[in-house]
C-alpha atoms as a PDB file:
ATOM      1  CA  MET A   1     164.655 275.338 269.300  1.00  0.00           C
ATOM      2  CA  GLN A   2     162.353 277.750 267.298  1.00  0.00           C
ATOM      3  CA  GLU A   3     159.628 275.854 265.460  1.00  0.00           C
ATOM      4  CA  ARG A   4     159.538 275.167 261.874  1.00  0.00           C
ATOM      5  CA  ARG A   5     157.384 277.417 259.815  1.00  0.00           C
ATOM      6  CA  LEU A   6     155.920 276.178 256.703  1.00  0.00           C
ATOM      7  CA  LYS A   7     153.506 277.792 254.133  1.00  0.00           C
ATOM      8  CA  VAL A   8     153.168 275.901 250.680  1.00  0.00           C
ATOM      9  CA  ALA A   9     150.937 276.583 247.794  1.00  0.00           C
ATOM     10  CA  PHE A  10     149.906 274.367 244.642  1.00  0.00           C
ATOM     11  CA  ILE A  11     150.124 276.206 241.648  1.00  0.00           C
ATOM     12  CA  GLY A  12     148.407 274.909 238.525  1.00  0.00           C
ATOM     13  CA  THR A  13     145.514 275.834 236.269  1.00  0.00           C
ATOM     14  CA  HIS A  14     141.874 274.417 237.216  1.00  0.00           C
ATOM     15  CA  GLY A  15     141.493 270.347 237.073  1.00  0.00           C
ATOM     16  CA  VAL A  16     145.059 269.123 237.743  1.00  0.00           C
ATOM     17  CA  GLY A  17     144.906 267.425 241.339  1.00  0.00           C
ATOM     18  CA  LYS A  18     145.801 270.642 243.773  1.00  0.00           C
ATOM     19  CA  THR A  19     143.334 270.208 245.884  1.00  0.00           C
ATOM     20  CA  THR A  20     143.605 266.350 245.938  1.00  0.00           C
ATOM     21  CA  LEU A  21     147.640 266.912 246.809  1.00  0.00           C
ATOM     22  CA  CYS A  22     146.766 269.764 249.451  1.00  0.00           C
ATOM     23  CA  TYR A  23     144.715 267.073 251.657  1.00  0.00           C
ATOM     24  CA  ASP A  24     147.472 264.414 251.094  1.00  0.00           C
ATOM     25  CA  LEU A  25     150.482 266.830 252.413  1.00  0.00           C
ATOM     26  CA  ALA A  26     148.218 268.220 255.021  1.00  0.00           C
ATOM     27  CA  ALA A  27     147.549 264.606 256.109  1.00  0.00           C
ATOM     28  CA  ARG A  28     151.023 263.719 256.497  1.00  0.00           C
ATOM     29  CA  LEU A  29     152.207 266.973 257.943  1.00  0.00           C
ATOM     30  CA  LYS A  30     149.894 266.392 260.837  1.00  0.00           C
ATOM     31  CA  ARG A  31     151.412 262.714 261.135  1.00  0.00           C
ATOM     32  CA  LEU A  32     154.840 264.826 261.803  1.00  0.00           C
ATOM     33  CA  ASP A  33     153.431 266.802 264.642  1.00  0.00           C
ATOM     34  CA  PHE A  34     152.728 270.294 262.756  1.00  0.00           C
ATOM     35  CA  ALA A  35     149.644 271.965 263.328  1.00  0.00           C
ATOM     36  CA  VAL A  36     148.715 272.549 260.124  1.00  0.00           C
ATOM     37  CA  ASP A  37     145.788 274.465 258.247  1.00  0.00           C
ATOM     38  CA  PHE A  38     144.267 274.522 254.867  1.00  0.00           C
ATOM     39  CA  VAL A  39     143.253 277.654 252.844  1.00  0.00           C
ATOM     40  CA  LYS A  40     141.084 276.428 250.018  1.00  0.00           C
ATOM     41  CA  GLU A  41     140.716 277.970 246.625  1.00  0.00           C
ATOM     42  CA  VAL A  42     138.527 280.767 247.311  1.00  0.00           C
ATOM     43  CA  ALA A  43     137.571 281.371 243.827  1.00  0.00           C
ATOM     44  CA  ARG A  44     134.075 279.145 244.686  1.00  0.00           C
ATOM     45  CA  GLU A  45     133.309 281.856 246.984  1.00  0.00           C
ATOM     46  CA  CYS A  46     133.506 284.756 244.772  1.00  0.00           C
ATOM     47  CA  PRO A  47     130.157 286.450 244.101  1.00  0.00           C
ATOM     48  CA  LEU A  48     131.368 287.707 240.887  1.00  0.00           C
ATOM     49  CA  PRO A  49     131.389 285.707 237.611  1.00  0.00           C
ATOM     50  CA  ILE A  50     134.628 283.288 237.263  1.00  0.00           C
ATOM     51  CA  ASN A  51     136.350 281.041 234.983  1.00  0.00           C
ATOM     52  CA  GLN A  52     136.320 282.773 231.153  1.00  0.00           C
ATOM     53  CA  ASP A  53     133.620 285.236 232.224  1.00  0.00           C
ATOM     54  CA  THR A  54     135.703 286.979 234.705  1.00  0.00           C
ATOM     55  CA  THR A  55     136.339 290.469 235.454  1.00  0.00           C
ATOM     56  CA  PHE A  56     139.104 292.491 237.438  1.00  0.00           C
ATOM     57  CA  ASP A  57     136.680 292.832 240.326  1.00  0.00           C
ATOM     58  CA  ALA A  58     136.139 289.362 240.500  1.00  0.00           C
ATOM     59  CA  GLN A  59     139.839 288.414 240.533  1.00  0.00           C
ATOM     60  CA  ALA A  60     140.764 291.488 242.783  1.00  0.00           C
ATOM     61  CA  TRP A  61     138.420 289.804 245.308  1.00  0.00           C
ATOM     62  CA  ILE A  62     140.384 286.513 244.607  1.00  0.00           C
ATOM     63  CA  LEU A  63     143.517 287.535 245.077  1.00  0.00           C
ATOM     64  CA  HIS A  64     143.277 289.590 248.202  1.00  0.00           C
ATOM     65  CA  THR A  65     140.953 286.828 249.948  1.00  0.00           C
ATOM     66  CA  GLN A  66     143.425 284.700 249.560  1.00  0.00           C
ATOM     67  CA  ILE A  67     145.746 287.014 250.925  1.00  0.00           C
ATOM     68  CA  SER A  68     143.592 287.729 254.196  1.00  0.00           C
ATOM     69  CA  ARG A  69     142.946 283.565 254.617  1.00  0.00           C
ATOM     70  CA  GLU A  70     146.663 282.985 254.509  1.00  0.00           C
ATOM     71  CA  ILE A  71     147.655 285.742 257.041  1.00  0.00           C
ATOM     72  CA  ALA A  72     144.619 284.521 259.094  1.00  0.00           C
ATOM     73  CA  ALA A  73     145.920 280.939 259.262  1.00  0.00           C
ATOM     74  CA  ALA A  74     149.555 281.363 259.671  1.00  0.00           C
ATOM     75  CA  ASP A  75     148.508 283.669 263.011  1.00  0.00           C
ATOM     76  CA  LYS A  76     147.728 280.027 264.275  1.00  0.00           C
ATOM     77  CA  TYR A  77     149.171 277.323 262.223  1.00  0.00           C
ATOM     78  CA  ASN A  78     152.628 276.669 262.005  1.00  0.00           C
ATOM     79  CA  ALA A  79     152.145 274.625 258.361  1.00  0.00           C
ATOM     80  CA  VAL A  80     149.557 276.404 256.298  1.00  0.00           C
ATOM     81  CA  ILE A  81     148.610 274.516 252.863  1.00  0.00           C
ATOM     82  CA  CYS A  82     147.204 276.742 250.028  1.00  0.00           C
ATOM     83  CA  ASP A  83     144.927 275.616 247.143  1.00  0.00           C
ATOM     84  CA  ARG A  84     146.323 277.882 245.151  1.00  0.00           C
ATOM     85  CA  SER A  85     148.499 281.123 245.897  1.00  0.00           C
ATOM     86  CA  VAL A  86     148.680 284.537 244.737  1.00  0.00           C
ATOM     87  CA  LEU A  87     150.657 284.378 241.690  1.00  0.00           C
ATOM     88  CA  ASP A  88     147.988 281.667 239.964  1.00  0.00           C
ATOM     89  CA  ASN A  89     144.925 283.839 241.210  1.00  0.00           C
ATOM     90  CA  TYR A  90     146.787 286.721 239.444  1.00  0.00           C
ATOM     91  CA  ALA A  91     147.500 284.677 235.961  1.00  0.00           C
ATOM     92  CA  TYR A  92     143.169 284.396 235.900  1.00  0.00           C
ATOM     93  CA  LEU A  93     143.363 288.311 236.222  1.00  0.00           C
ATOM     94  CA  VAL A  94     145.897 288.645 233.551  1.00  0.00           C
ATOM     95  CA  HIS A  95     144.760 286.537 231.140  1.00  0.00           C
ATOM     96  CA  GLN A  96     141.380 288.300 231.190  1.00  0.00           C
ATOM     97  CA  VAL A  97     142.758 292.021 231.667  1.00  0.00           C
ATOM     98  CA  GLY A  98     146.606 292.049 231.364  1.00  0.00           C
ATOM     99  CA  ARG A  99     149.384 292.764 233.691  1.00  0.00           C
ATOM    100  CA  VAL A 100     148.243 295.547 236.424  1.00  0.00           C
ATOM    101  CA  ASP A 101     151.275 297.471 237.508  1.00  0.00           C
ATOM    102  CA  SER A 102     149.145 298.345 241.060  1.00  0.00           C
ATOM    103  CA  LEU A 103     149.074 294.903 241.630  1.00  0.00           C
ATOM    104  CA  GLU A 104     152.700 293.697 240.821  1.00  0.00           C
ATOM    105  CA  PRO A 105     154.317 295.056 243.749  1.00  0.00           C
ATOM    106  CA  VAL A 106     151.505 293.328 246.313  1.00  0.00           C
ATOM    107  CA  VAL A 107     152.112 289.802 244.462  1.00  0.00           C
ATOM    108  CA  ALA A 108     156.122 290.264 244.382  1.00  0.00           C
ATOM    109  CA  ARG A 109     155.652 291.057 248.030  1.00  0.00           C
ATOM    110  CA  TRP A 110     153.325 288.266 248.940  1.00  0.00           C
ATOM    111  CA  LEU A 111     155.567 285.816 246.956  1.00  0.00           C
ATOM    112  CA  GLU A 112     158.425 285.974 249.431  1.00  0.00           C
ATOM    113  CA  THR A 113     156.039 284.484 252.128  1.00  0.00           C
ATOM    114  CA  TYR A 114     155.610 281.021 250.380  1.00  0.00           C
ATOM    115  CA  THR A 115     157.960 278.559 251.863  1.00  0.00           C
ATOM    116  CA  ARG A 116     157.535 276.748 248.518  1.00  0.00           C
ATOM    117  CA  LEU A 117     155.354 276.826 245.571  1.00  0.00           C
ATOM    118  CA  ILE A 118     154.806 274.003 244.390  1.00  0.00           C
ATOM    119  CA  LYS A 119     153.528 273.479 239.675  1.00  0.00           C
ATOM    120  CA  VAL A 120     151.183 270.600 239.162  1.00  0.00           C
ATOM    121  CA  PRO A 121     151.273 270.095 235.613  1.00  0.00           C
ATOM    122  CA  ILE A 122     148.490 269.406 233.206  1.00  0.00           C
ATOM    123  CA  SER A 123     147.448 265.552 233.017  1.00  0.00           C
ATOM    124  CA  GLU A 124     144.070 265.259 231.657  1.00  0.00           C
ATOM    125  CA  ALA A 125     140.976 267.783 230.654  1.00  0.00           C
ATOM    126  CA  PRO A 126     139.034 269.025 233.336  1.00  0.00           C
ATOM    127  CA  SER A 127     136.020 267.592 234.604  1.00  0.00           C
ATOM    128  CA  PHE A 128     132.788 269.273 235.771  1.00  0.00           C
ATOM    129  CA  ASP A 129     132.942 269.783 239.597  1.00  0.00           C
ATOM    130  CA  GLY A 130     130.062 272.492 239.458  1.00  0.00           C
ATOM    131  CA  THR A 131     132.454 275.551 239.150  1.00  0.00           C
ATOM    132  CA  ARG A 132     135.169 274.524 236.876  1.00  0.00           C
ATOM    133  CA  ASP A 133     135.574 275.797 233.638  1.00  0.00           C
ATOM    134  CA  LEU A 134     135.550 272.603 230.951  1.00  0.00           C
ATOM    135  CA  SER A 135     137.789 274.341 228.506  1.00  0.00           C
ATOM    136  CA  GLN A 136     140.556 272.795 227.345  1.00  0.00           C
ATOM    137  CA  THR A 137     141.907 275.824 225.519  1.00  0.00           C
ATOM    138  CA  PHE A 138     141.030 277.707 228.705  1.00  0.00           C
ATOM    139  CA  GLN A 139     142.899 275.316 231.022  1.00  0.00           C
ATOM    140  CA  THR A 140     146.024 275.314 228.575  1.00  0.00           C
ATOM    141  CA  GLU A 141     145.999 279.311 228.201  1.00  0.00           C
ATOM    142  CA  ILE A 142     146.234 279.616 232.033  1.00  0.00           C
ATOM    143  CA  ASP A 143     148.920 277.134 232.649  1.00  0.00           C
ATOM    144  CA  GLN A 144     151.011 278.896 230.240  1.00  0.00           C
ATOM    145  CA  MET A 145     150.135 282.324 232.453  1.00  0.00           C
ATOM    146  CA  ILE A 146     151.277 280.768 235.359  1.00  0.00           C
ATOM    147  CA  ASP A 147     154.084 279.558 233.734  1.00  0.00           C
ATOM    148  CA  GLU A 148     155.231 282.901 232.152  1.00  0.00           C
ATOM    149  CA  LEU A 149     154.446 284.780 235.818  1.00  0.00           C
ATOM    150  CA  VAL A 150     156.432 282.075 237.702  1.00  0.00           C
ATOM    151  CA  ALA A 151     159.634 283.404 235.385  1.00  0.00           C
ATOM    152  CA  ALA A 152     158.337 287.015 235.396  1.00  0.00           C
ATOM    153  CA  PHE A 153     158.625 287.027 238.709  1.00  0.00           C
ATOM    154  CA  GLY A 154     161.807 284.805 239.608  1.00  0.00           C
ATOM    155  CA  VAL A 155     160.159 282.772 241.785  1.00  0.00           C
ATOM    156  CA  PRO A 156     161.434 278.966 242.847  1.00  0.00           C
ATOM    157  CA  CYS A 157     159.093 276.508 242.346  1.00  0.00           C
ATOM    158  CA  LEU A 158     159.046 272.818 242.458  1.00  0.00           C
ATOM    159  CA  ARG A 159     157.651 271.394 239.359  1.00  0.00           C
ATOM    160  CA  LEU A 160     156.066 268.283 239.345  1.00  0.00           C
ATOM    161  CA  ALA A 161     156.273 265.924 236.478  1.00  0.00           C
ATOM    162  CA  ALA A 162     152.429 264.572 234.959  1.00  0.00           C
ATOM    163  CA  GLU A 163     154.344 261.069 234.135  1.00  0.00           C
ATOM    164  CA  ASP A 164     155.428 260.515 238.018  1.00  0.00           C
ATOM    165  CA  ARG A 165     151.836 261.015 239.644  1.00  0.00           C
ATOM    166  CA  SER A 166     152.496 258.289 242.112  1.00  0.00           C
ATOM    167  CA  ASN A 167     155.433 259.940 243.551  1.00  0.00           C
ATOM    168  CA  TRP A 168     154.651 263.509 243.819  1.00  0.00           C
ATOM    169  CA  LEU A 169     154.026 263.129 247.589  1.00  0.00           C
ATOM    170  CA  ARG A 170     157.111 261.648 248.141  1.00  0.00           C
ATOM    171  CA  ARG A 171     158.876 264.410 245.439  1.00  0.00           C
ATOM    172  CA  ILE A 172     157.229 266.972 247.814  1.00  0.00           C
ATOM    173  CA  LEU A 173     158.706 265.651 251.087  1.00  0.00           C
ATOM    174  CA  GLU A 174     161.840 265.330 250.247  1.00  0.00           C
ATOM    175  CA  ASP A 175     162.092 268.866 248.268  1.00  0.00           C
ATOM    176  CA  LEU A 176     160.889 270.265 251.581  1.00  0.00           C
ATOM    177  CA  GLU A 177     163.338 268.166 253.584  1.00  0.00           C
ATOM    178  CA  LEU A 178     161.201 266.238 255.477  1.00  0.00           C
ATOM    179  CA  PRO A 179     161.034 262.980 256.792  1.00  0.00           C
ATOM    180  CA  LEU A 180     159.146 260.184 254.341  1.00  0.00           C
ATOM    181  CA  GLU A 181     157.601 258.661 257.129  1.00  0.00           C
ATOM    182  CA  PRO A 182     156.502 259.735 260.829  1.00  0.00           C
ATOM    183  CA  PRO A 183     159.237 259.334 263.410  1.00  0.00           C
ATOM    184  CA  GLN A 184     157.078 257.542 265.420  1.00  0.00           C
ATOM    185  CA  LEU A 185     156.972 254.636 263.088  1.00  0.00           C
ATOM    186  CA  ARG A 186     160.416 253.581 263.538  1.00  0.00           C
ATOM    187  CA  LEU A 187     159.528 253.344 267.488  1.00  0.00           C
ATOM    188  CA  PHE A 188     157.661 249.936 266.318  1.00  0.00           C
ATOM    189  CA  ASN A 189     159.221 248.753 263.208  1.00  0.00           C
ATOM    190  CA  SER A 190     162.730 248.933 264.820  1.00  0.00           C
ATOM    191  CA  GLY A 191     162.891 244.938 264.365  1.00  0.00           C
ATOM    192  CA  LYS A 192     163.694 244.599 268.053  1.00  0.00           C
ATOM    193  CA  LYS A 193     162.219 242.293 270.509  1.00  0.00           C
ATOM    194  CA  VAL A 194     161.198 243.599 273.841  1.00  0.00           C
END
């Protein structure tokens, strides 16, 4: 039997809880015996301006670094959890300079490598973390740009509901057709006396 491989990317604007969900899903997958790697958001490492001051070069660096990190992770692990995808990285570029014909085939091709994109909605204003832009207008504009690009590329996407935050992980596991609890728990909770 061939082992199941997963590559899941959380998409959405900044400050919506993608990173927390990455950690939650990674922990759950480890309990389900997946070898898991986590591709952190690469924008924080970009040596060029980001957020509202970003440039084409900065976003191209972020997009290509994201791809290279995903390639390295997928080579060694059967489950890769990504804090962002090429799509939302591209959304920041499009917001700043418009759509770029030479990058569209790269983005389209790379979108095919994800098992699932999961869109995390805005539920509150962004809070400062040392890097994140605090403008709610900018946060909303990026969220809308991501939605436009999801539609433009015709990519399937699980959309989480802001009002159902307590059930997000359950919803993700169901969508990925994974058990809600590790199978080992059934051994200890079977109710049979020994």
